[in-house]
Amino acid sequence: MKKTIVLKMILGALCLVVPLTVVSEQSKQQGAAVPLRLEPTEIPYSRMRTDMPPWPDEDVLSGVSEHRYELLYSGDINVAIYEAKPMNLRLEDYEIDEFVMVVSGTLILTADGGSPQRFDAGESVLVPKGFTGTWEMQGNFREMVVVMNGSKGQ
């Protein structure tokens, strides 16, 4: 139960706290929907939000739960940048579908009973709802995350 509550707090912080929608000046002036250029490498770690709770101790297999995020867009979907110090997490029955594009560092996902899958900068993965396994972030890890607004867990 506690794990579910903390996961909801983390996902809520990542996707819903103080919606910061990136809107170009042109779209503000014209009231039109225009494509938004997302620059996941342009936001320095020091400017990212720190109000995200740590992962529960029982989920952290190694490393330190230290991370930050910045919400880039909030609409029918939420787009955020997440950066974390190296750590390895144990996740059970992940509550949302999550698209991840690794911006820097390496992500190694290992589903229970499966082989490790490695994702380096520039590579993407869809982590399905219900994922159970390990989520290991190596190096200077940064990812761009896309989730549906209103997904369970938010």
N, C-alpha and C. Protein backbone atom coordinates (compact mmCIF):
# COMPACT_ATOMS: atom_id res chain seq x y z
N MET A 1 0.82 -1.20 0.00
CA MET A 1 0.00 0.00 0.00
C MET A 1 0.87 1.26 0.00
N LYS A 2 1.88 1.28 0.91
CA LYS A 2 2.75 2.45 0.99
C LYS A 2 3.46 2.69 -0.34
N LYS A 3 3.91 1.61 -0.98
CA LYS A 3 4.62 1.72 -2.26
C LYS A 3 3.72 2.36 -3.30
N THR A 4 2.46 1.97 -3.35
CA THR A 4 1.51 2.53 -4.32
C THR A 4 1.31 4.02 -4.07
N ILE A 5 1.19 4.42 -2.83
CA ILE A 5 0.99 5.83 -2.50
C ILE A 5 2.21 6.65 -2.91
N VAL A 6 3.42 6.15 -2.61
CA VAL A 6 4.63 6.89 -2.98
C VAL A 6 4.78 6.94 -4.49
N LEU A 7 4.48 5.84 -5.19
CA LEU A 7 4.55 5.85 -6.65
C LEU A 7 3.59 6.89 -7.22
N LYS A 8 2.40 6.98 -6.66
CA LYS A 8 1.43 7.98 -7.11
C LYS A 8 1.96 9.39 -6.85
N MET A 9 2.64 9.59 -5.71
CA MET A 9 3.21 10.91 -5.42
C MET A 9 4.30 11.24 -6.43
N ILE A 10 5.15 10.26 -6.75
CA ILE A 10 6.23 10.49 -7.70
C ILE A 10 5.66 10.79 -9.07
N LEU A 11 4.72 9.98 -9.52
CA LEU A 11 4.12 10.21 -10.83
C LEU A 11 3.36 11.52 -10.87
N GLY A 12 2.69 11.84 -9.78
CA GLY A 12 1.98 13.12 -9.72
C GLY A 12 2.94 14.28 -9.81
N ALA A 13 4.05 14.19 -9.10
CA ALA A 13 5.05 15.25 -9.16
C ALA A 13 5.62 15.36 -10.56
N LEU A 14 5.88 14.23 -11.18
CA LEU A 14 6.47 14.23 -12.51
C LEU A 14 5.52 14.80 -13.54
N CYS A 15 4.24 14.57 -13.38
CA CYS A 15 3.32 14.90 -14.47
C CYS A 15 2.29 15.98 -14.17
N LEU A 16 2.03 16.28 -12.92
CA LEU A 16 0.91 17.16 -12.66
C LEU A 16 1.20 18.38 -11.80
N VAL A 17 2.28 18.39 -11.05
CA VAL A 17 2.53 19.49 -10.14
C VAL A 17 2.82 20.76 -10.94
N VAL A 18 2.10 21.82 -10.62
CA VAL A 18 2.25 23.12 -11.26
C VAL A 18 2.45 22.96 -12.76
N PRO A 19 1.39 22.65 -13.49
CA PRO A 19 1.54 22.44 -14.93
C PRO A 19 2.28 23.60 -15.58
N LEU A 20 3.39 23.28 -16.18
CA LEU A 20 4.22 24.25 -16.87
C LEU A 20 4.15 23.90 -18.34
N THR A 21 3.25 24.53 -19.04
CA THR A 21 3.06 24.24 -20.45
C THR A 21 3.98 25.11 -21.27
N VAL A 22 4.75 24.48 -22.12
CA VAL A 22 5.63 25.21 -23.01
C VAL A 22 4.81 25.66 -24.20
N VAL A 23 4.60 26.95 -24.31
CA VAL A 23 3.80 27.51 -25.39
C VAL A 23 4.61 28.62 -26.03
N SER A 24 4.73 28.58 -27.34
CA SER A 24 5.50 29.62 -28.02
C SER A 24 4.76 30.94 -27.96
N GLU A 25 5.52 32.03 -28.08
CA GLU A 25 4.91 33.36 -28.10
C GLU A 25 3.91 33.47 -29.25
N GLN A 26 4.24 32.85 -30.38
CA GLN A 26 3.34 32.91 -31.53
C GLN A 26 1.98 32.29 -31.20
N SER A 27 1.98 31.13 -30.54
CA SER A 27 0.70 30.49 -30.24
C SER A 27 -0.07 31.28 -29.19
N LYS A 28 0.64 31.94 -28.26
CA LYS A 28 -0.04 32.78 -27.27
C LYS A 28 -0.73 33.94 -27.97
N GLN A 29 -0.02 34.56 -28.90
CA GLN A 29 -0.56 35.73 -29.58
C GLN A 29 -1.69 35.36 -30.52
N GLN A 30 -1.55 34.26 -31.23
CA GLN A 30 -2.54 33.89 -32.23
C GLN A 30 -3.64 33.00 -31.66
N GLY A 31 -3.44 32.45 -30.48
CA GLY A 31 -4.42 31.53 -29.92
C GLY A 31 -4.49 30.23 -30.71
N ALA A 32 -3.45 29.94 -31.46
CA ALA A 32 -3.43 28.76 -32.33
C ALA A 32 -2.57 27.67 -31.71
N ALA A 33 -2.86 26.45 -32.12
CA ALA A 33 -2.03 25.32 -31.72
C ALA A 33 -0.90 25.20 -32.73
N VAL A 34 0.33 25.33 -32.25
CA VAL A 34 1.49 25.22 -33.11
C VAL A 34 2.44 24.17 -32.52
N PRO A 35 3.24 23.53 -33.36
CA PRO A 35 4.20 22.55 -32.85
C PRO A 35 5.15 23.20 -31.84
N LEU A 36 5.50 22.44 -30.82
CA LEU A 36 6.41 22.92 -29.79
C LEU A 36 7.73 22.18 -29.90
N ARG A 37 8.80 22.91 -29.99
CA ARG A 37 10.12 22.27 -30.02
C ARG A 37 10.51 21.97 -28.57
N LEU A 38 10.78 20.71 -28.29
CA LEU A 38 11.19 20.29 -26.96
C LEU A 38 12.70 20.11 -26.96
N GLU A 39 13.36 20.75 -26.04
CA GLU A 39 14.82 20.73 -25.97
C GLU A 39 15.25 20.09 -24.65
N PRO A 40 15.26 18.75 -24.58
CA PRO A 40 15.53 18.08 -23.31
C PRO A 40 16.93 18.27 -22.75
N THR A 41 17.86 18.72 -23.58
CA THR A 41 19.23 18.93 -23.08
C THR A 41 19.47 20.37 -22.64
N GLU A 42 18.53 21.25 -22.92
CA GLU A 42 18.73 22.68 -22.66
C GLU A 42 18.41 23.10 -21.23
N ILE A 43 17.76 22.27 -20.46
CA ILE A 43 17.37 22.64 -19.10
C ILE A 43 18.43 22.14 -18.13
N PRO A 44 19.15 23.05 -17.46
CA PRO A 44 20.18 22.60 -16.53
C PRO A 44 19.56 21.94 -15.29
N TYR A 45 20.27 20.97 -14.77
CA TYR A 45 19.82 20.24 -13.58
C TYR A 45 19.49 21.20 -12.45
N SER A 46 20.27 22.26 -12.31
CA SER A 46 20.07 23.21 -11.22
C SER A 46 18.74 23.96 -11.32
N ARG A 47 18.14 24.03 -12.52
CA ARG A 47 16.86 24.72 -12.69
C ARG A 47 15.67 23.77 -12.61
N MET A 48 15.93 22.48 -12.49
CA MET A 48 14.83 21.52 -12.47
C MET A 48 14.18 21.49 -11.09
N ARG A 49 12.92 21.05 -11.07
CA ARG A 49 12.13 21.02 -9.83
C ARG A 49 12.67 19.95 -8.87
N THR A 50 12.61 20.28 -7.58
CA THR A 50 13.14 19.38 -6.55
C THR A 50 12.05 18.82 -5.65
N ASP A 51 10.77 19.09 -5.96
CA ASP A 51 9.69 18.69 -5.06
C ASP A 51 9.20 17.26 -5.29
N MET A 52 10.00 16.46 -5.93
CA MET A 52 9.64 15.07 -6.20
C MET A 52 10.11 14.21 -5.03
N PRO A 53 9.23 13.41 -4.43
CA PRO A 53 9.64 12.59 -3.29
C PRO A 53 10.63 11.50 -3.73
N PRO A 54 11.47 11.04 -2.80
CA PRO A 54 12.40 9.96 -3.16
C PRO A 54 11.63 8.65 -3.37
N TRP A 55 12.27 7.74 -4.11
CA TRP A 55 11.69 6.40 -4.23
C TRP A 55 11.73 5.75 -2.86
N PRO A 56 10.78 4.88 -2.54
CA PRO A 56 10.80 4.19 -1.25
C PRO A 56 12.09 3.38 -1.09
N ASP A 57 12.66 3.39 0.10
CA ASP A 57 13.91 2.68 0.36
C ASP A 57 13.85 1.22 -0.08
N GLU A 58 12.70 0.59 0.12
CA GLU A 58 12.58 -0.83 -0.22
C GLU A 58 12.62 -1.08 -1.74
N ASP A 59 12.42 -0.03 -2.54
CA ASP A 59 12.48 -0.16 -4.00
C ASP A 59 13.87 0.12 -4.56
N VAL A 60 14.73 0.76 -3.77
CA VAL A 60 16.07 1.13 -4.24
C VAL A 60 17.03 -0.03 -3.94
N LEU A 61 17.44 -0.72 -5.01
CA LEU A 61 18.35 -1.86 -4.86
C LEU A 61 19.79 -1.40 -4.69
N SER A 62 20.15 -0.31 -5.37
CA SER A 62 21.48 0.28 -5.23
C SER A 62 21.43 1.73 -5.67
N GLY A 63 22.41 2.50 -5.20
CA GLY A 63 22.44 3.92 -5.53
C GLY A 63 21.65 4.74 -4.54
N VAL A 64 21.46 6.01 -4.88
CA VAL A 64 20.76 6.95 -4.01
C VAL A 64 19.58 7.54 -4.77
N SER A 65 18.44 7.62 -4.11
CA SER A 65 17.24 8.17 -4.74
C SER A 65 17.31 9.69 -4.73
N GLU A 66 18.04 10.22 -5.70
CA GLU A 66 18.16 11.67 -5.85
C GLU A 66 17.83 12.01 -7.30
N HIS A 67 16.78 12.81 -7.48
CA HIS A 67 16.33 13.10 -8.83
C HIS A 67 15.61 14.44 -8.88
N ARG A 68 15.46 14.93 -10.12
CA ARG A 68 14.72 16.17 -10.38
C ARG A 68 13.96 16.00 -11.67
N TYR A 69 13.04 16.92 -11.91
CA TYR A 69 12.25 16.86 -13.14
C TYR A 69 11.86 18.26 -13.57
N GLU A 70 11.41 18.35 -14.80
CA GLU A 70 10.82 19.59 -15.31
C GLU A 70 9.69 19.19 -16.25
N LEU A 71 8.51 19.68 -15.99
CA LEU A 71 7.36 19.42 -16.85
C LEU A 71 7.45 20.36 -18.04
N LEU A 72 7.49 19.79 -19.25
CA LEU A 72 7.61 20.60 -20.46
C LEU A 72 6.27 20.91 -21.09
N TYR A 73 5.31 20.00 -20.92
CA TYR A 73 4.01 20.18 -21.56
C TYR A 73 2.97 19.40 -20.78
N SER A 74 1.79 19.99 -20.65
CA SER A 74 0.67 19.30 -20.01
C SER A 74 -0.58 19.58 -20.83
N GLY A 75 -1.19 18.53 -21.33
CA GLY A 75 -2.41 18.60 -22.12
C GLY A 75 -3.06 17.22 -22.04
N ASP A 76 -3.45 16.66 -23.17
CA ASP A 76 -3.94 15.28 -23.17
C ASP A 76 -2.81 14.33 -22.80
N ILE A 77 -1.58 14.76 -23.10
CA ILE A 77 -0.39 14.03 -22.66
C ILE A 77 0.45 14.96 -21.81
N ASN A 78 1.32 14.36 -21.00
CA ASN A 78 2.29 15.12 -20.23
C ASN A 78 3.67 14.73 -20.72
N VAL A 79 4.52 15.73 -20.91
CA VAL A 79 5.89 15.50 -21.34
C VAL A 79 6.79 16.13 -20.29
N ALA A 80 7.74 15.35 -19.80
CA ALA A 80 8.63 15.84 -18.75
C ALA A 80 10.05 15.36 -19.01
N ILE A 81 10.99 16.08 -18.44
CA ILE A 81 12.39 15.67 -18.38
C ILE A 81 12.62 15.19 -16.96
N TYR A 82 13.26 14.04 -16.83
CA TYR A 82 13.57 13.46 -15.53
C TYR A 82 15.07 13.18 -15.52
N GLU A 83 15.75 13.59 -14.47
CA GLU A 83 17.18 13.30 -14.33
C GLU A 83 17.42 12.70 -12.97
N ALA A 84 18.24 11.65 -12.93
CA ALA A 84 18.50 10.95 -11.67
C ALA A 84 19.97 10.59 -11.54
N LYS A 85 20.41 10.52 -10.30
CA LYS A 85 21.73 9.98 -10.00
C LYS A 85 21.66 8.47 -10.27
N PRO A 86 22.80 7.83 -10.50
CA PRO A 86 22.76 6.39 -10.77
C PRO A 86 22.06 5.62 -9.64
N MET A 87 21.12 4.78 -10.05
CA MET A 87 20.43 3.92 -9.09
C MET A 87 19.75 2.78 -9.83
N ASN A 88 19.45 1.74 -9.08
CA ASN A 88 18.75 0.58 -9.61
C ASN A 88 17.50 0.39 -8.76
N LEU A 89 16.35 0.37 -9.42
CA LEU A 89 15.06 0.26 -8.72
C LEU A 89 14.39 -1.07 -9.00
N ARG A 90 13.63 -1.52 -8.06
CA ARG A 90 12.76 -2.68 -8.24
C ARG A 90 11.34 -2.15 -8.37
N LEU A 91 10.69 -2.41 -9.50
CA LEU A 91 9.32 -1.97 -9.73
C LEU A 91 8.41 -3.19 -9.86
N GLU A 92 7.24 -3.08 -9.26
CA GLU A 92 6.26 -4.16 -9.36
C GLU A 92 4.94 -3.60 -9.84
N ASP A 93 4.42 -4.21 -10.90
CA ASP A 93 3.11 -3.84 -11.46
C ASP A 93 3.03 -2.33 -11.70
N TYR A 94 3.97 -1.82 -12.50
CA TYR A 94 4.04 -0.39 -12.81
C TYR A 94 2.66 0.10 -13.25
N GLU A 95 2.24 1.23 -12.75
CA GLU A 95 0.84 1.65 -12.87
C GLU A 95 0.46 2.39 -14.14
N ILE A 96 1.41 2.72 -15.00
CA ILE A 96 1.08 3.48 -16.21
C ILE A 96 1.87 2.96 -17.40
N ASP A 97 1.39 3.28 -18.60
CA ASP A 97 2.18 3.12 -19.82
C ASP A 97 3.07 4.36 -19.89
N GLU A 98 4.35 4.18 -20.15
CA GLU A 98 5.28 5.31 -20.17
C GLU A 98 6.23 5.18 -21.36
N PHE A 99 6.27 6.22 -22.19
CA PHE A 99 7.24 6.29 -23.28
C PHE A 99 8.46 7.02 -22.75
N VAL A 100 9.63 6.44 -22.97
CA VAL A 100 10.88 7.01 -22.49
C VAL A 100 11.85 7.16 -23.65
N MET A 101 12.44 8.35 -23.79
CA MET A 101 13.56 8.55 -24.70
C MET A 101 14.76 8.92 -23.84
N VAL A 102 15.80 8.10 -23.89
CA VAL A 102 17.00 8.36 -23.10
C VAL A 102 17.74 9.54 -23.74
N VAL A 103 17.98 10.57 -22.94
CA VAL A 103 18.67 11.77 -23.40
C VAL A 103 20.16 11.67 -23.12
N SER A 104 20.51 11.17 -21.95
CA SER A 104 21.92 10.93 -21.61
C SER A 104 22.00 9.78 -20.62
N GLY A 105 23.17 9.16 -20.55
CA GLY A 105 23.33 8.01 -19.69
C GLY A 105 22.76 6.76 -20.33
N THR A 106 22.51 5.77 -19.50
CA THR A 106 22.02 4.47 -19.97
C THR A 106 20.90 3.99 -19.06
N LEU A 107 19.89 3.39 -19.68
CA LEU A 107 18.78 2.76 -18.95
C LEU A 107 18.84 1.27 -19.25
N ILE A 108 18.82 0.46 -18.20
CA ILE A 108 18.76 -0.99 -18.38
C ILE A 108 17.49 -1.48 -17.69
N LEU A 109 16.59 -2.02 -18.49
CA LEU A 109 15.34 -2.58 -17.98
C LEU A 109 15.41 -4.09 -18.06
N THR A 110 15.05 -4.75 -16.96
CA THR A 110 15.04 -6.20 -16.93
C THR A 110 13.71 -6.66 -16.36
N ALA A 111 12.85 -7.18 -17.22
CA ALA A 111 11.58 -7.72 -16.76
C ALA A 111 11.85 -9.03 -16.04
N ASP A 112 11.07 -9.33 -15.01
CA ASP A 112 11.22 -10.60 -14.31
C ASP A 112 11.19 -11.74 -15.32
N GLY A 113 12.18 -12.61 -15.23
CA GLY A 113 12.26 -13.76 -16.13
C GLY A 113 12.80 -13.43 -17.50
N GLY A 114 13.15 -12.17 -17.74
CA GLY A 114 13.65 -11.75 -19.06
C GLY A 114 15.12 -11.38 -19.02
N SER A 115 15.63 -11.05 -20.17
CA SER A 115 17.02 -10.60 -20.30
C SER A 115 17.08 -9.08 -20.19
N PRO A 116 18.20 -8.56 -19.72
CA PRO A 116 18.35 -7.10 -19.64
C PRO A 116 18.25 -6.47 -21.03
N GLN A 117 17.58 -5.33 -21.10
CA GLN A 117 17.50 -4.54 -22.33
C GLN A 117 18.15 -3.20 -22.06
N ARG A 118 19.13 -2.85 -22.89
CA ARG A 118 19.92 -1.63 -22.69
C ARG A 118 19.46 -0.55 -23.66
N PHE A 119 19.30 0.67 -23.14
CA PHE A 119 18.90 1.82 -23.95
C PHE A 119 19.87 2.96 -23.66
N ASP A 120 20.55 3.41 -24.71
CA ASP A 120 21.52 4.49 -24.59
C ASP A 120 20.92 5.78 -25.13
N ALA A 121 21.65 6.88 -24.97
CA ALA A 121 21.18 8.19 -25.43
C ALA A 121 20.69 8.11 -26.88
N GLY A 122 19.50 8.67 -27.10
CA GLY A 122 18.88 8.68 -28.42
C GLY A 122 17.96 7.51 -28.67
N GLU A 123 17.97 6.52 -27.81
CA GLU A 123 17.11 5.35 -27.98
C GLU A 123 15.85 5.51 -27.13
N SER A 124 14.79 4.84 -27.56
CA SER A 124 13.48 4.96 -26.91
C SER A 124 12.94 3.60 -26.52
N VAL A 125 12.04 3.62 -25.56
CA VAL A 125 11.39 2.39 -25.12
C VAL A 125 10.00 2.74 -24.60
N LEU A 126 9.08 1.84 -24.77
CA LEU A 126 7.75 1.96 -24.17
C LEU A 126 7.69 0.96 -23.03
N VAL A 127 7.53 1.47 -21.82
CA VAL A 127 7.41 0.61 -20.65
C VAL A 127 5.92 0.44 -20.40
N PRO A 128 5.40 -0.78 -20.57
CA PRO A 128 3.96 -0.97 -20.46
C PRO A 128 3.47 -1.01 -19.02
N LYS A 129 2.25 -0.61 -18.86
CA LYS A 129 1.56 -0.74 -17.58
C LYS A 129 1.67 -2.20 -17.16
N GLY A 130 1.96 -2.43 -15.89
CA GLY A 130 2.09 -3.79 -15.37
C GLY A 130 3.51 -4.30 -15.35
N PHE A 131 4.48 -3.51 -15.88
CA PHE A 131 5.88 -3.94 -15.88
C PHE A 131 6.33 -4.28 -14.47
N THR A 132 7.00 -5.42 -14.33
CA THR A 132 7.60 -5.83 -13.07
C THR A 132 9.03 -6.24 -13.37
N GLY A 133 9.97 -5.64 -12.66
CA GLY A 133 11.38 -5.95 -12.88
C GLY A 133 12.25 -4.84 -12.34
N THR A 134 13.45 -4.72 -12.91
CA THR A 134 14.38 -3.69 -12.44
C THR A 134 14.53 -2.59 -13.48
N TRP A 135 14.76 -1.39 -12.98
CA TRP A 135 14.90 -0.17 -13.78
C TRP A 135 16.21 0.46 -13.31
N GLU A 136 17.28 0.25 -14.08
CA GLU A 136 18.60 0.71 -13.67
C GLU A 136 19.04 1.91 -14.51
N MET A 137 19.37 2.99 -13.84
CA MET A 137 19.82 4.22 -14.49
C MET A 137 21.31 4.38 -14.22
N GLN A 138 22.10 4.47 -15.30
CA GLN A 138 23.55 4.55 -15.18
C GLN A 138 24.07 5.87 -15.73
N GLY A 139 25.19 6.31 -15.16
CA GLY A 139 25.84 7.53 -15.64
C GLY A 139 25.03 8.77 -15.32
N ASN A 140 25.26 9.83 -16.08
CA ASN A 140 24.49 11.06 -15.93
C ASN A 140 23.16 10.84 -16.64
N PHE A 141 22.21 10.21 -15.96
CA PHE A 141 20.99 9.74 -16.60
C PHE A 141 19.93 10.84 -16.70
N ARG A 142 19.45 11.03 -17.92
CA ARG A 142 18.34 11.96 -18.18
C ARG A 142 17.44 11.32 -19.22
N GLU A 143 16.14 11.45 -19.02
CA GLU A 143 15.17 10.90 -19.97
C GLU A 143 14.05 11.90 -20.22
N MET A 144 13.47 11.80 -21.41
CA MET A 144 12.24 12.54 -21.69
C MET A 144 11.13 11.51 -21.60
N VAL A 145 10.10 11.83 -20.84
CA VAL A 145 9.01 10.91 -20.53
C VAL A 145 7.71 11.46 -21.10
N VAL A 146 6.91 10.58 -21.69
CA VAL A 146 5.58 10.96 -22.17
C VAL A 146 4.57 9.98 -21.58
N VAL A 147 3.56 10.52 -20.90
CA VAL A 147 2.47 9.71 -20.34
C VAL A 147 1.14 10.40 -20.65
N MET A 148 0.09 9.62 -20.66
CA MET A 148 -1.25 10.18 -20.86
C MET A 148 -1.66 10.94 -19.61
N ASN A 149 -2.26 12.10 -19.78
CA ASN A 149 -2.78 12.86 -18.65
C ASN A 149 -3.97 12.10 -18.09
N GLY A 150 -4.02 11.96 -16.78
CA GLY A 150 -5.11 11.24 -16.15
C GLY A 150 -4.87 9.75 -16.07
N SER A 151 -3.64 9.29 -16.40
CA SER A 151 -3.32 7.88 -16.27
C SER A 151 -3.42 7.48 -14.82
N LYS A 152 -3.78 6.22 -14.57
CA LYS A 152 -3.83 5.72 -13.20
C LYS A 152 -2.46 5.95 -12.58
N GLY A 153 -2.45 6.38 -11.36
CA GLY A 153 -1.20 6.64 -10.67
C GLY A 153 -0.88 8.12 -10.61
N GLN A 154 -1.63 8.92 -11.35
CA GLN A 154 -1.36 10.36 -11.32
C GLN A 154 -2.32 11.04 -10.38
